[in-house]
Amino acid sequence: MAEGLLRHYAGDRFEVASGGVAPTQVRPEAIEVMREVGIDISDHRSKSVDEFAGQEFDYVITVCDNANEQCPVFPGKTQRIHWSFEDHAAVEVNAEHRLSVFRRVRDGIRSRLSHQFHISDSN
């Protein structure tokens, strides 16, 4: 979701890549809640952070504590940023509760991106 949000709101201001510490698939709940805000991530794929080993980034943003603990060190002048959101992919209650958690995380990421990088719907 973070990749989709940053690509959408920042346009070509940033080159964006994302990877997880335990990638599986792009969750259907993520696709659904992003579609609710007009962003289509259905063609995204779940990637391992290992695909980016050795590359330099200006920023590496982790969005859950597990990712923050397991994220590798990237070379160069990389600024690490951690935003502690609930691990929405691990929620195992009912479908509606999972969607509400995905929405809450989506909105939190959008708010943090707006604040950190001064991006919004109007950019």
PDB file of N, CA and C in Angstrom:
ATOM      1  N   MET A   1       0.823  -1.188   0.000  1.00  0.00           N
ATOM      2  CA  MET A   1       0.000   0.000   0.000  1.00  0.00           C
ATOM      3  C   MET A   1       0.865   1.249   0.000  1.00  0.00           C
ATOM      4  N   ALA A   2       1.970   1.214   0.760  1.00  0.00           N
ATOM      5  CA  ALA A   2       2.845   2.383   0.819  1.00  0.00           C
ATOM      6  C   ALA A   2       3.410   2.717  -0.556  1.00  0.00           C
ATOM      7  N   GLU A   3       3.820   1.687  -1.287  1.00  0.00           N
ATOM      8  CA  GLU A   3       4.344   1.910  -2.632  1.00  0.00           C
ATOM      9  C   GLU A   3       3.277   2.560  -3.515  1.00  0.00           C
ATOM     10  N   GLY A   4       2.079   2.026  -3.495  1.00  0.00           N
ATOM     11  CA  GLY A   4       1.004   2.573  -4.313  1.00  0.00           C
ATOM     12  C   GLY A   4       0.666   4.004  -3.953  1.00  0.00           C
ATOM     13  N   LEU A   5       0.617   4.291  -2.653  1.00  0.00           N
ATOM     14  CA  LEU A   5       0.316   5.652  -2.200  1.00  0.00           C
ATOM     15  C   LEU A   5       1.401   6.631  -2.623  1.00  0.00           C
ATOM     16  N   LEU A   6       2.653   6.254  -2.410  1.00  0.00           N
ATOM     17  CA  LEU A   6       3.736   7.177  -2.751  1.00  0.00           C
ATOM     18  C   LEU A   6       3.817   7.393  -4.263  1.00  0.00           C
ATOM     19  N   ARG A   7       3.660   6.338  -5.029  1.00  0.00           N
ATOM     20  CA  ARG A   7       3.658   6.501  -6.493  1.00  0.00           C
ATOM     21  C   ARG A   7       2.522   7.437  -6.926  1.00  0.00           C
ATOM     22  N   HIS A   8       1.352   7.249  -6.343  1.00  0.00           N
ATOM     23  CA  HIS A   8       0.186   8.037  -6.726  1.00  0.00           C
ATOM     24  C   HIS A   8       0.352   9.507  -6.348  1.00  0.00           C
ATOM     25  N   TYR A   9       0.716   9.769  -5.103  1.00  0.00           N
ATOM     26  CA  TYR A   9       0.740  11.148  -4.622  1.00  0.00           C
ATOM     27  C   TYR A   9       2.006  11.915  -4.994  1.00  0.00           C
ATOM     28  N   ALA A  10       3.132  11.224  -5.171  1.00  0.00           N
ATOM     29  CA  ALA A  10       4.377  11.925  -5.468  1.00  0.00           C
ATOM     30  C   ALA A  10       4.682  11.965  -6.953  1.00  0.00           C
ATOM     31  N   GLY A  11       3.966  11.161  -7.736  1.00  0.00           N
ATOM     32  CA  GLY A  11       4.220  11.153  -9.170  1.00  0.00           C
ATOM     33  C   GLY A  11       5.657  10.800  -9.464  1.00  0.00           C
ATOM     34  N   ASP A  12       6.323  11.626 -10.242  1.00  0.00           N
ATOM     35  CA  ASP A  12       7.710  11.328 -10.611  1.00  0.00           C
ATOM     36  C   ASP A  12       8.726  11.998  -9.691  1.00  0.00           C
ATOM     37  N   ARG A  13       8.276  12.541  -8.564  1.00  0.00           N
ATOM     38  CA  ARG A  13       9.207  13.166  -7.610  1.00  0.00           C
ATOM     39  C   ARG A  13      10.129  12.142  -6.962  1.00  0.00           C
ATOM     40  N   PHE A  14       9.676  10.878  -6.886  1.00  0.00           N
ATOM     41  CA  PHE A  14      10.457   9.822  -6.254  1.00  0.00           C
ATOM     42  C   PHE A  14      10.474   8.595  -7.148  1.00  0.00           C
ATOM     43  N   GLU A  15      11.582   7.866  -7.116  1.00  0.00           N
ATOM     44  CA  GLU A  15      11.615   6.526  -7.672  1.00  0.00           C
ATOM     45  C   GLU A  15      11.267   5.620  -6.503  1.00  0.00           C
ATOM     46  N   VAL A  16      10.235   4.805  -6.649  1.00  0.00           N
ATOM     47  CA  VAL A  16       9.687   4.050  -5.529  1.00  0.00           C
ATOM     48  C   VAL A  16       9.864   2.557  -5.752  1.00  0.00           C
ATOM     49  N   ALA A  17      10.304   1.872  -4.704  1.00  0.00           N
ATOM     50  CA  ALA A  17      10.391   0.414  -4.714  1.00  0.00           C
ATOM     51  C   ALA A  17       9.936  -0.065  -3.342  1.00  0.00           C
ATOM     52  N   SER A  18       9.394  -1.257  -3.284  1.00  0.00           N
ATOM     53  CA  SER A  18       9.017  -1.794  -1.987  1.00  0.00           C
ATOM     54  C   SER A  18       9.307  -3.279  -1.945  1.00  0.00           C
ATOM     55  N   GLY A  19       9.602  -3.739  -0.741  1.00  0.00           N
ATOM     56  CA  GLY A  19       9.868  -5.151  -0.537  1.00  0.00           C
ATOM     57  C   GLY A  19       9.567  -5.512   0.896  1.00  0.00           C
ATOM     58  N   GLY A  20       9.216  -6.748   1.106  1.00  0.00           N
ATOM     59  CA  GLY A  20       8.882  -7.207   2.440  1.00  0.00           C
ATOM     60  C   GLY A  20       9.909  -8.184   2.971  1.00  0.00           C
ATOM     61  N   VAL A  21       9.894  -8.371   4.287  1.00  0.00           N
ATOM     62  CA  VAL A  21      10.819  -9.329   4.889  1.00  0.00           C
ATOM     63  C   VAL A  21      10.295 -10.752   4.780  1.00  0.00           C
ATOM     64  N   ALA A  22       8.993 -10.905   4.539  1.00  0.00           N
ATOM     65  CA  ALA A  22       8.388 -12.231   4.334  1.00  0.00           C
ATOM     66  C   ALA A  22       7.298 -12.116   3.274  1.00  0.00           C
ATOM     67  N   PRO A  23       7.667 -11.813   2.021  1.00  0.00           N
ATOM     68  CA  PRO A  23       6.657 -11.564   0.982  1.00  0.00           C
ATOM     69  C   PRO A  23       5.898 -12.824   0.598  1.00  0.00           C
ATOM     70  N   THR A  24       4.628 -12.628   0.289  1.00  0.00           N
ATOM     71  CA  THR A  24       3.792 -13.740  -0.175  1.00  0.00           C
ATOM     72  C   THR A  24       3.060 -13.332  -1.439  1.00  0.00           C
ATOM     73  N   GLN A  25       2.077 -12.470  -1.271  1.00  0.00           N
ATOM     74  CA  GLN A  25       1.279 -11.968  -2.386  1.00  0.00           C
ATOM     75  C   GLN A  25       0.744 -10.608  -1.999  1.00  0.00           C
ATOM     76  N   VAL A  26       0.304  -9.839  -2.972  1.00  0.00           N
ATOM     77  CA  VAL A  26      -0.388  -8.596  -2.653  1.00  0.00           C
ATOM     78  C   VAL A  26      -1.758  -9.009  -2.136  1.00  0.00           C
ATOM     79  N   ARG A  27      -2.041  -8.640  -0.923  1.00  0.00           N
ATOM     80  CA  ARG A  27      -3.262  -9.087  -0.270  1.00  0.00           C
ATOM     81  C   ARG A  27      -4.495  -8.498  -0.945  1.00  0.00           C
ATOM     82  N   PRO A  28      -5.547  -9.308  -1.142  1.00  0.00           N
ATOM     83  CA  PRO A  28      -6.783  -8.802  -1.752  1.00  0.00           C
ATOM     84  C   PRO A  28      -7.379  -7.639  -0.953  1.00  0.00           C
ATOM     85  N   GLU A  29      -7.196  -7.656   0.364  1.00  0.00           N
ATOM     86  CA  GLU A  29      -7.704  -6.554   1.187  1.00  0.00           C
ATOM     87  C   GLU A  29      -6.984  -5.252   0.848  1.00  0.00           C
ATOM     88  N   ALA A  30      -5.676  -5.335   0.567  1.00  0.00           N
ATOM     89  CA  ALA A  30      -4.918  -4.144   0.194  1.00  0.00           C
ATOM     90  C   ALA A  30      -5.423  -3.595  -1.137  1.00  0.00           C
ATOM     91  N   ILE A  31      -5.629  -4.487  -2.089  1.00  0.00           N
ATOM     92  CA  ILE A  31      -6.152  -4.063  -3.390  1.00  0.00           C
ATOM     93  C   ILE A  31      -7.497  -3.385  -3.226  1.00  0.00           C
ATOM     94  N   GLU A  32      -8.366  -3.970  -2.402  1.00  0.00           N
ATOM     95  CA  GLU A  32      -9.705  -3.414  -2.198  1.00  0.00           C
ATOM     96  C   GLU A  32      -9.671  -2.043  -1.540  1.00  0.00           C
ATOM     97  N   VAL A  33      -8.913  -1.885  -0.448  1.00  0.00           N
ATOM     98  CA  VAL A  33      -8.935  -0.596   0.247  1.00  0.00           C
ATOM     99  C   VAL A  33      -8.212   0.486  -0.537  1.00  0.00           C
ATOM    100  N   MET A  34      -7.247   0.111  -1.363  1.00  0.00           N
ATOM    101  CA  MET A  34      -6.600   1.108  -2.221  1.00  0.00           C
ATOM    102  C   MET A  34      -7.541   1.529  -3.343  1.00  0.00           C
ATOM    103  N   ARG A  35      -8.285   0.580  -3.876  1.00  0.00           N
ATOM    104  CA  ARG A  35      -9.263   0.912  -4.909  1.00  0.00           C
ATOM    105  C   ARG A  35     -10.295   1.911  -4.364  1.00  0.00           C
ATOM    106  N   GLU A  36     -10.619   1.805  -3.076  1.00  0.00           N
ATOM    107  CA  GLU A  36     -11.578   2.729  -2.453  1.00  0.00           C
ATOM    108  C   GLU A  36     -11.115   4.184  -2.523  1.00  0.00           C
ATOM    109  N   VAL A  37      -9.810   4.412  -2.591  1.00  0.00           N
ATOM    110  CA  VAL A  37      -9.286   5.779  -2.687  1.00  0.00           C
ATOM    111  C   VAL A  37      -8.771   6.094  -4.090  1.00  0.00           C
ATOM    112  N   GLY A  38      -9.181   5.264  -5.056  1.00  0.00           N
ATOM    113  CA  GLY A  38      -8.874   5.545  -6.454  1.00  0.00           C
ATOM    114  C   GLY A  38      -7.484   5.138  -6.911  1.00  0.00           C
ATOM    115  N   ILE A  39      -6.845   4.208  -6.201  1.00  0.00           N
ATOM    116  CA  ILE A  39      -5.504   3.764  -6.576  1.00  0.00           C
ATOM    117  C   ILE A  39      -5.556   2.270  -6.866  1.00  0.00           C
ATOM    118  N   ASP A  40      -5.109   1.901  -8.062  1.00  0.00           N
ATOM    119  CA  ASP A  40      -5.133   0.492  -8.473  1.00  0.00           C
ATOM    120  C   ASP A  40      -3.753  -0.123  -8.269  1.00  0.00           C
ATOM    121  N   ILE A  41      -3.650  -1.062  -7.334  1.00  0.00           N
ATOM    122  CA  ILE A  41      -2.384  -1.764  -7.117  1.00  0.00           C
ATOM    123  C   ILE A  41      -2.507  -3.233  -7.527  1.00  0.00           C
ATOM    124  N   SER A  42      -3.520  -3.560  -8.295  1.00  0.00           N
ATOM    125  CA  SER A  42      -3.763  -4.960  -8.650  1.00  0.00           C
ATOM    126  C   SER A  42      -2.640  -5.561  -9.496  1.00  0.00           C
ATOM    127  N   ASP A  43      -1.842  -4.711 -10.151  1.00  0.00           N
ATOM    128  CA  ASP A  43      -0.740  -5.246 -10.950  1.00  0.00           C
ATOM    129  C   ASP A  43       0.585  -5.260 -10.182  1.00  0.00           C
ATOM    130  N   HIS A  44       0.573  -4.851  -8.917  1.00  0.00           N
ATOM    131  CA  HIS A  44       1.783  -4.910  -8.104  1.00  0.00           C
ATOM    132  C   HIS A  44       2.075  -6.358  -7.740  1.00  0.00           C
ATOM    133  N   ARG A  45       3.327  -6.624  -7.419  1.00  0.00           N
ATOM    134  CA  ARG A  45       3.678  -7.959  -6.946  1.00  0.00           C
ATOM    135  C   ARG A  45       4.422  -7.834  -5.627  1.00  0.00           C
ATOM    136  N   SER A  46       4.293  -8.847  -4.809  1.00  0.00           N
ATOM    137  CA  SER A  46       4.976  -8.885  -3.534  1.00  0.00           C
ATOM    138  C   SER A  46       6.430  -9.250  -3.785  1.00  0.00           C
ATOM    139  N   LYS A  47       7.333  -8.393  -3.322  1.00  0.00           N
ATOM    140  CA  LYS A  47       8.764  -8.598  -3.555  1.00  0.00           C
ATOM    141  C   LYS A  47       9.486  -8.747  -2.222  1.00  0.00           C
ATOM    142  N   SER A  48      10.595  -9.458  -2.259  1.00  0.00           N
ATOM    143  CA  SER A  48      11.443  -9.582  -1.079  1.00  0.00           C
ATOM    144  C   SER A  48      12.388  -8.389  -1.008  1.00  0.00           C
ATOM    145  N   VAL A  49      12.622  -7.926   0.189  1.00  0.00           N
ATOM    146  CA  VAL A  49      13.587  -6.848   0.378  1.00  0.00           C
ATOM    147  C   VAL A  49      14.969  -7.286  -0.109  1.00  0.00           C
ATOM    148  N   ASP A  50      15.209  -8.588  -0.139  1.00  0.00           N
ATOM    149  CA  ASP A  50      16.493  -9.112  -0.629  1.00  0.00           C
ATOM    150  C   ASP A  50      16.749  -8.762  -2.091  1.00  0.00           C
ATOM    151  N   GLU A  51      15.692  -8.515  -2.864  1.00  0.00           N
ATOM    152  CA  GLU A  51      15.866  -8.116  -4.269  1.00  0.00           C
ATOM    153  C   GLU A  51      16.611  -6.793  -4.400  1.00  0.00           C
ATOM    154  N   PHE A  52      16.634  -6.024  -3.322  1.00  0.00           N
ATOM    155  CA  PHE A  52      17.224  -4.694  -3.367  1.00  0.00           C
ATOM    156  C   PHE A  52      18.561  -4.620  -2.638  1.00  0.00           C
ATOM    157  N   ALA A  53      19.093  -5.767  -2.237  1.00  0.00           N
ATOM    158  CA  ALA A  53      20.369  -5.815  -1.501  1.00  0.00           C
ATOM    159  C   ALA A  53      21.465  -5.127  -2.308  1.00  0.00           C
ATOM    160  N   GLY A  54      22.238  -4.308  -1.626  1.00  0.00           N
ATOM    161  CA  GLY A  54      23.357  -3.625  -2.265  1.00  0.00           C
ATOM    162  C   GLY A  54      22.996  -2.343  -2.977  1.00  0.00           C
ATOM    163  N   GLN A  55      21.710  -2.070  -3.156  1.00  0.00           N
ATOM    164  CA  GLN A  55      21.294  -0.834  -3.817  1.00  0.00           C
ATOM    165  C   GLN A  55      21.280   0.308  -2.809  1.00  0.00           C
ATOM    166  N   GLU A  56      21.502   1.508  -3.304  1.00  0.00           N
ATOM    167  CA  GLU A  56      21.434   2.685  -2.443  1.00  0.00           C
ATOM    168  C   GLU A  56      20.073   3.345  -2.579  1.00  0.00           C
ATOM    169  N   PHE A  57      19.540   3.776  -1.449  1.00  0.00           N
ATOM    170  CA  PHE A  57      18.259   4.482  -1.403  1.00  0.00           C
ATOM    171  C   PHE A  57      18.430   5.730  -0.557  1.00  0.00           C
ATOM    172  N   ASP A  58      17.681   6.763  -0.878  1.00  0.00           N
ATOM    173  CA  ASP A  58      17.666   7.948  -0.026  1.00  0.00           C
ATOM    174  C   ASP A  58      16.930   7.650   1.274  1.00  0.00           C
ATOM    175  N   TYR A  59      15.825   6.910   1.160  1.00  0.00           N
ATOM    176  CA  TYR A  59      15.004   6.578   2.323  1.00  0.00           C
ATOM    177  C   TYR A  59      14.642   5.099   2.292  1.00  0.00           C
ATOM    178  N   VAL A  60      14.610   4.489   3.447  1.00  0.00           N
ATOM    179  CA  VAL A  60      14.019   3.173   3.631  1.00  0.00           C
ATOM    180  C   VAL A  60      13.007   3.348   4.745  1.00  0.00           C
ATOM    181  N   ILE A  61      11.745   3.075   4.430  1.00  0.00           N
ATOM    182  CA  ILE A  61      10.662   3.251   5.395  1.00  0.00           C
ATOM    183  C   ILE A  61      10.111   1.879   5.742  1.00  0.00           C
ATOM    184  N   THR A  62      10.096   1.558   7.027  1.00  0.00           N
ATOM    185  CA  THR A  62       9.456   0.334   7.484  1.00  0.00           C
ATOM    186  C   THR A  62       8.135   0.736   8.135  1.00  0.00           C
ATOM    187  N   VAL A  63       7.111  -0.105   7.928  1.00  0.00           N
ATOM    188  CA  VAL A  63       5.776   0.268   8.400  1.00  0.00           C
ATOM    189  C   VAL A  63       5.196  -0.691   9.435  1.00  0.00           C
ATOM    190  N   CYS A  64       5.971  -1.654   9.887  1.00  0.00           N
ATOM    191  CA  CYS A  64       5.543  -2.463  11.031  1.00  0.00           C
ATOM    192  C   CYS A  64       6.788  -2.881  11.793  1.00  0.00           C
ATOM    193  N   ASP A  65       6.631  -3.209  13.059  1.00  0.00           N
ATOM    194  CA  ASP A  65       7.775  -3.482  13.922  1.00  0.00           C
ATOM    195  C   ASP A  65       8.590  -4.682  13.449  1.00  0.00           C
ATOM    196  N   ASN A  66       7.921  -5.720  12.971  1.00  0.00           N
ATOM    197  CA  ASN A  66       8.621  -6.900  12.480  1.00  0.00           C
ATOM    198  C   ASN A  66       9.551  -6.538  11.329  1.00  0.00           C
ATOM    199  N   ALA A  67       9.064  -5.732  10.406  1.00  0.00           N
ATOM    200  CA  ALA A  67       9.893  -5.305   9.275  1.00  0.00           C
ATOM    201  C   ALA A  67      11.067  -4.458   9.761  1.00  0.00           C
ATOM    202  N   ASN A  68      10.827  -3.601  10.719  1.00  0.00           N
ATOM    203  CA  ASN A  68      11.886  -2.753  11.247  1.00  0.00           C
ATOM    204  C   ASN A  68      13.002  -3.595  11.869  1.00  0.00           C
ATOM    205  N   GLU A  69      12.625  -4.635  12.584  1.00  0.00           N
ATOM    206  CA  GLU A  69      13.606  -5.494  13.245  1.00  0.00           C
ATOM    207  C   GLU A  69      14.400  -6.337  12.249  1.00  0.00           C
ATOM    208  N   GLN A  70      13.777  -6.728  11.138  1.00  0.00           N
ATOM    209  CA  GLN A  70      14.418  -7.639  10.195  1.00  0.00           C
ATOM    210  C   GLN A  70      14.986  -6.964   8.947  1.00  0.00           C
ATOM    211  N   CYS A  71      14.734  -5.689   8.783  1.00  0.00           N
ATOM    212  CA  CYS A  71      15.173  -4.992   7.576  1.00  0.00           C
ATOM    213  C   CYS A  71      16.694  -4.936   7.525  1.00  0.00           C
ATOM    214  N   PRO A  72      17.273  -5.298   6.377  1.00  0.00           N
ATOM    215  CA  PRO A  72      18.735  -5.236   6.271  1.00  0.00           C
ATOM    216  C   PRO A  72      19.228  -3.794   6.240  1.00  0.00           C
ATOM    217  N   VAL A  73      20.507  -3.642   6.443  1.00  0.00           N
ATOM    218  CA  VAL A  73      21.136  -2.333   6.354  1.00  0.00           C
ATOM    219  C   VAL A  73      21.429  -2.056   4.883  1.00  0.00           C
ATOM    220  N   PHE A  74      21.097  -0.860   4.447  1.00  0.00           N
ATOM    221  CA  PHE A  74      21.375  -0.461   3.073  1.00  0.00           C
ATOM    222  C   PHE A  74      22.575   0.482   3.069  1.00  0.00           C
ATOM    223  N   PRO A  75      23.422   0.399   2.040  1.00  0.00           N
ATOM    224  CA  PRO A  75      24.649   1.199   2.007  1.00  0.00           C
ATOM    225  C   PRO A  75      24.368   2.667   1.709  1.00  0.00           C
ATOM    226  N   GLY A  76      25.383   3.470   1.905  1.00  0.00           N
ATOM    227  CA  GLY A  76      25.301   4.873   1.509  1.00  0.00           C
ATOM    228  C   GLY A  76      24.621   5.745   2.534  1.00  0.00           C
ATOM    229  N   LYS A  77      23.989   6.786   2.036  1.00  0.00           N
ATOM    230  CA  LYS A  77      23.399   7.817   2.897  1.00  0.00           C
ATOM    231  C   LYS A  77      21.928   7.557   3.213  1.00  0.00           C
ATOM    232  N   THR A  78      21.520   6.319   3.188  1.00  0.00           N
ATOM    233  CA  THR A  78      20.127   5.961   3.408  1.00  0.00           C
ATOM    234  C   THR A  78      19.629   6.455   4.757  1.00  0.00           C
ATOM    235  N   GLN A  79      18.489   7.144   4.738  1.00  0.00           N
ATOM    236  CA  GLN A  79      17.826   7.563   5.970  1.00  0.00           C
ATOM    237  C   GLN A  79      16.754   6.537   6.301  1.00  0.00           C
ATOM    238  N   ARG A  80      16.885   5.870   7.447  1.00  0.00           N
ATOM    239  CA  ARG A  80      15.890   4.894   7.885  1.00  0.00           C
ATOM    240  C   ARG A  80      14.780   5.613   8.632  1.00  0.00           C
ATOM    241  N   ILE A  81      13.553   5.312   8.253  1.00  0.00           N
ATOM    242  CA  ILE A  81      12.369   5.870   8.911  1.00  0.00           C
ATOM    243  C   ILE A  81      11.492   4.692   9.300  1.00  0.00           C
ATOM    244  N   HIS A  82      11.001   4.691  10.530  1.00  0.00           N
ATOM    245  CA  HIS A  82      10.115   3.614  10.967  1.00  0.00           C
ATOM    246  C   HIS A  82       8.788   4.200  11.435  1.00  0.00           C
ATOM    247  N   TRP A  83       7.718   3.655  10.866  1.00  0.00           N
ATOM    248  CA  TRP A  83       6.369   4.006  11.288  1.00  0.00           C
ATOM    249  C   TRP A  83       5.725   2.735  11.818  1.00  0.00           C
ATOM    250  N   SER A  84       5.396   2.719  13.079  1.00  0.00           N
ATOM    251  CA  SER A  84       4.905   1.503  13.731  1.00  0.00           C
ATOM    252  C   SER A  84       3.397   1.355  13.552  1.00  0.00           C
ATOM    253  N   PHE A  85       3.002   0.683  12.474  1.00  0.00           N
ATOM    254  CA  PHE A  85       1.601   0.375  12.241  1.00  0.00           C
ATOM    255  C   PHE A  85       1.333  -1.074  12.602  1.00  0.00           C
ATOM    256  N   GLU A  86       0.087  -1.352  12.943  1.00  0.00           N
ATOM    257  CA  GLU A  86      -0.332  -2.724  13.203  1.00  0.00           C
ATOM    258  C   GLU A  86      -0.034  -3.573  11.970  1.00  0.00           C
ATOM    259  N   ASP A  87       0.419  -4.795  12.178  1.00  0.00           N
ATOM    260  CA  ASP A  87       0.699  -5.696  11.052  1.00  0.00           C
ATOM    261  C   ASP A  87      -0.634  -6.164  10.474  1.00  0.00           C
ATOM    262  N   HIS A  88      -1.148  -5.406   9.536  1.00  0.00           N
ATOM    263  CA  HIS A  88      -2.474  -5.636   8.972  1.00  0.00           C
ATOM    264  C   HIS A  88      -2.590  -6.992   8.285  1.00  0.00           C
ATOM    265  N   ALA A  89      -1.502  -7.508   7.756  1.00  0.00           N
ATOM    266  CA  ALA A  89      -1.547  -8.811   7.084  1.00  0.00           C
ATOM    267  C   ALA A  89      -1.696  -9.956   8.081  1.00  0.00           C
ATOM    268  N   ALA A  90      -1.393  -9.704   9.350  1.00  0.00           N
ATOM    269  CA  ALA A  90      -1.464 -10.766  10.365  1.00  0.00           C
ATOM    270  C   ALA A  90      -2.815 -10.828  11.070  1.00  0.00           C
ATOM    271  N   VAL A  91      -3.710  -9.883  10.783  1.00  0.00           N
ATOM    272  CA  VAL A  91      -5.017  -9.861  11.450  1.00  0.00           C
ATOM    273  C   VAL A  91      -5.838 -11.056  10.998  1.00  0.00           C
ATOM    274  N   GLU A  92      -6.316 -11.851  11.952  1.00  0.00           N
ATOM    275  CA  GLU A  92      -7.046 -13.071  11.615  1.00  0.00           C
ATOM    276  C   GLU A  92      -8.396 -13.143  12.322  1.00  0.00           C
ATOM    277  N   VAL A  93      -9.167 -12.087  12.253  1.00  0.00           N
ATOM    278  CA  VAL A  93     -10.500 -12.118  12.858  1.00  0.00           C
ATOM    279  C   VAL A  93     -11.475 -12.430  11.736  1.00  0.00           C
ATOM    280  N   ASN A  94     -12.351 -11.509  11.429  1.00  0.00           N
ATOM    281  CA  ASN A  94     -13.266 -11.718  10.301  1.00  0.00           C
ATOM    282  C   ASN A  94     -12.912 -10.738   9.184  1.00  0.00           C
ATOM    283  N   ALA A  95     -13.504 -10.954   8.033  1.00  0.00           N
ATOM    284  CA  ALA A  95     -13.155 -10.174   6.844  1.00  0.00           C
ATOM    285  C   ALA A  95     -13.385  -8.677   7.046  1.00  0.00           C
ATOM    286  N   GLU A  96     -14.490  -8.305   7.657  1.00  0.00           N
ATOM    287  CA  GLU A  96     -14.782  -6.879   7.843  1.00  0.00           C
ATOM    288  C   GLU A  96     -13.784  -6.226   8.795  1.00  0.00           C
ATOM    289  N   HIS A  97     -13.407  -6.938   9.842  1.00  0.00           N
ATOM    290  CA  HIS A  97     -12.406  -6.391  10.768  1.00  0.00           C
ATOM    291  C   HIS A  97     -11.053  -6.237  10.056  1.00  0.00           C
ATOM    292  N   ARG A  98     -10.662  -7.225   9.256  1.00  0.00           N
ATOM    293  CA  ARG A  98      -9.410  -7.126   8.498  1.00  0.00           C
ATOM    294  C   ARG A  98      -9.432  -5.899   7.590  1.00  0.00           C
ATOM    295  N   LEU A  99     -10.558  -5.697   6.893  1.00  0.00           N
ATOM    296  CA  LEU A  99     -10.661  -4.525   6.015  1.00  0.00           C
ATOM    297  C   LEU A  99     -10.532  -3.231   6.808  1.00  0.00           C
ATOM    298  N   SER A 100     -11.119  -3.175   7.995  1.00  0.00           N
ATOM    299  CA  SER A 100     -11.030  -1.950   8.795  1.00  0.00           C
ATOM    300  C   SER A 100      -9.580  -1.687   9.222  1.00  0.00           C
ATOM    301  N   VAL A 101      -8.841  -2.750   9.520  1.00  0.00           N
ATOM    302  CA  VAL A 101      -7.424  -2.587   9.870  1.00  0.00           C
ATOM    303  C   VAL A 101      -6.638  -2.124   8.646  1.00  0.00           C
ATOM    304  N   PHE A 102      -6.878  -2.716   7.496  1.00  0.00           N
ATOM    305  CA  PHE A 102      -6.200  -2.288   6.264  1.00  0.00           C
ATOM    306  C   PHE A 102      -6.517  -0.823   5.978  1.00  0.00           C
ATOM    307  N   ARG A 103      -7.755  -0.410   6.169  1.00  0.00           N
ATOM    308  CA  ARG A 103      -8.117   0.998   5.940  1.00  0.00           C
ATOM    309  C   ARG A 103      -7.372   1.917   6.904  1.00  0.00           C
ATOM    310  N   ARG A 104      -7.314   1.522   8.171  1.00  0.00           N
ATOM    311  CA  ARG A 104      -6.646   2.333   9.182  1.00  0.00           C
ATOM    312  C   ARG A 104      -5.153   2.474   8.839  1.00  0.00           C
ATOM    313  N   VAL A 105      -4.523   1.381   8.427  1.00  0.00           N
ATOM    314  CA  VAL A 105      -3.108   1.437   8.065  1.00  0.00           C
ATOM    315  C   VAL A 105      -2.915   2.274   6.800  1.00  0.00           C
ATOM    316  N   ARG A 106      -3.773   2.070   5.803  1.00  0.00           N
ATOM    317  CA  ARG A 106      -3.695   2.876   4.564  1.00  0.00           C
ATOM    318  C   ARG A 106      -3.761   4.365   4.896  1.00  0.00           C
ATOM    319  N   ASP A 107      -4.729   4.743   5.714  1.00  0.00           N
ATOM    320  CA  ASP A 107      -4.901   6.156   6.049  1.00  0.00           C
ATOM    321  C   ASP A 107      -3.737   6.693   6.868  1.00  0.00           C
ATOM    322  N   GLY A 108      -3.193   5.850   7.745  1.00  0.00           N
ATOM    323  CA  GLY A 108      -2.034   6.258   8.531  1.00  0.00           C
ATOM    324  C   GLY A 108      -0.808   6.462   7.667  1.00  0.00           C
ATOM    325  N   ILE A 109      -0.583   5.559   6.735  1.00  0.00           N
ATOM    326  CA  ILE A 109       0.556   5.698   5.822  1.00  0.00           C
ATOM    327  C   ILE A 109       0.382   6.951   4.973  1.00  0.00           C
ATOM    328  N   ARG A 110      -0.818   7.154   4.473  1.00  0.00           N
ATOM    329  CA  ARG A 110      -1.074   8.348   3.643  1.00  0.00           C
ATOM    330  C   ARG A 110      -0.792   9.623   4.439  1.00  0.00           C
ATOM    331  N   SER A 111      -1.206   9.650   5.692  1.00  0.00           N
ATOM    332  CA  SER A 111      -0.974  10.822   6.544  1.00  0.00           C
ATOM    333  C   SER A 111       0.516  11.041   6.789  1.00  0.00           C
ATOM    334  N   ARG A 112       1.238   9.974   7.077  1.00  0.00           N
ATOM    335  CA  ARG A 112       2.675  10.083   7.328  1.00  0.00           C
ATOM    336  C   ARG A 112       3.421  10.517   6.072  1.00  0.00           C
ATOM    337  N   LEU A 113       3.052   9.970   4.915  1.00  0.00           N
ATOM    338  CA  LEU A 113       3.694  10.379   3.662  1.00  0.00           C
ATOM    339  C   LEU A 113       3.454  11.860   3.404  1.00  0.00           C
ATOM    340  N   SER A 114       2.231  12.300   3.641  1.00  0.00           N
ATOM    341  CA  SER A 114       1.889  13.705   3.439  1.00  0.00           C
ATOM    342  C   SER A 114       2.744  14.599   4.333  1.00  0.00           C
ATOM    343  N   HIS A 115       2.878  14.215   5.583  1.00  0.00           N
ATOM    344  CA  HIS A 115       3.644  15.011   6.537  1.00  0.00           C
ATOM    345  C   HIS A 115       5.146  14.957   6.242  1.00  0.00           C
ATOM    346  N   GLN A 116       5.688  13.767   6.028  1.00  0.00           N
ATOM    347  CA  GLN A 116       7.124  13.575   5.837  1.00  0.00           C
ATOM    348  C   GLN A 116       7.627  14.158   4.519  1.00  0.00           C
ATOM    349  N   PHE A 117       6.839  13.975   3.446  1.00  0.00           N
ATOM    350  CA  PHE A 117       7.318  14.341   2.112  1.00  0.00           C
ATOM    351  C   PHE A 117       6.487  15.449   1.465  1.00  0.00           C
ATOM    352  N   HIS A 118       5.566  16.024   2.226  1.00  0.00           N
ATOM    353  CA  HIS A 118       4.754  17.148   1.749  1.00  0.00           C
ATOM    354  C   HIS A 118       4.036  16.825   0.446  1.00  0.00           C
ATOM    355  N   ILE A 119       3.363  15.686   0.439  1.00  0.00           N
ATOM    356  CA  ILE A 119       2.588  15.278  -0.730  1.00  0.00           C
ATOM    357  C   ILE A 119       1.132  15.114  -0.331  1.00  0.00           C
ATOM    358  N   SER A 120       0.244  15.298  -1.261  1.00  0.00           N
ATOM    359  CA  SER A 120      -1.189  15.157  -0.984  1.00  0.00           C
ATOM    360  C   SER A 120      -1.914  14.987  -2.306  1.00  0.00           C
ATOM    361  N   ASP A 121      -3.243  14.898  -2.209  1.00  0.00           N
ATOM    362  CA  ASP A 121      -4.076  14.768  -3.412  1.00  0.00           C
ATOM    363  C   ASP A 121      -3.854  15.925  -4.383  1.00  0.00           C
ATOM    364  N   SER A 122      -3.455  17.095  -3.872  1.00  0.00           N
ATOM    365  CA  SER A 122      -3.339  18.271  -4.733  1.00  0.00           C
ATOM    366  C   SER A 122      -1.997  18.361  -5.455  1.00  0.00           C
ATOM    367  N   ASN A 123      -1.029  17.469  -5.102  1.00  0.00           N
ATOM    368  CA  ASN A 123       0.288  17.528  -5.762  1.00  0.00           C
ATOM    369  C   ASN A 123       0.248  16.924  -7.134  1.00  0.00           C
TER     370      ASN A 123
END
